[in-house]
């Protein structure tokens, strides 16, 4: 029998690390650097990546609440590029925005810590990934963070050259 190796505690531990890693990674990055350093030609800037992570805190929280309120809900697909314009990423202040991200993540973690085992197993359907549980949403949030932390590292490579 295959033992489930991902559990709530591991998912929460991963989610707790994002704000600290962002603070460490972006320590000393100026607003000008945040706006100009990208992960390659046509890529996202440090600022856009941080804004995207902040905005996705709302997405994760909405999915959690939807899973708790409905039986087998379908998640909405989000247009990442539309959010750039809608939320004026280019006009955001990096460090104020990071503070907002940390507050949103803390609220998400607090909400997840309230859940019982059966709630973690509630399922819904992602438009691209198919069926998944609330635990899968939490794990995916952590993996999403990791993807963008790696992207930030690529953006910041010129600072270390």
Foldseek 3Di string as FASTA:
>chain_A
DDDDPQDLVNLLVLLLCLLVLCCVLCPPPAQVLQLPQFLDVVGHGNLLLLLLLQVCLVVLVVVLVCLVPDAAAEGDDDDSVVCCVVVVSNPDGRVVSSVSSNVSSVVVSVVSVPDDPVSQAGWYAYPPPGIDGNSVSSNVSSVSSVVSSVRSVSSCVVVVD
